[in-house]
Amino acid sequence: MAPEVDMMVCRSCGNQERASEGSPCDGCETFVCLICGFRGITLCKACRVKRGLPEPANLPPPVPRQPS
């Protein structure tokens, strides 16, 4: 099976997800994955830091990377 070519890194949790399965950050328009969106996380990590907000307790766990 060919690797996915439309993958993006979520700027909130750091996981790679399909580009079509996410939304823009409410602060800066960078990619936030669908799982973070389902959990109510709408800001990327950099925007949370700029606003002095803590890390959300409900961030999805990192997905182990597949060997290339």
Foldseek 3Di string as FASTA:
>chain_A
DDDDDQWDAAQAQREIDHQVAFWAAPPPGDTHGNVCVVVVHRHGPVVCVVVVHDRDPPRDHYDDDDDD
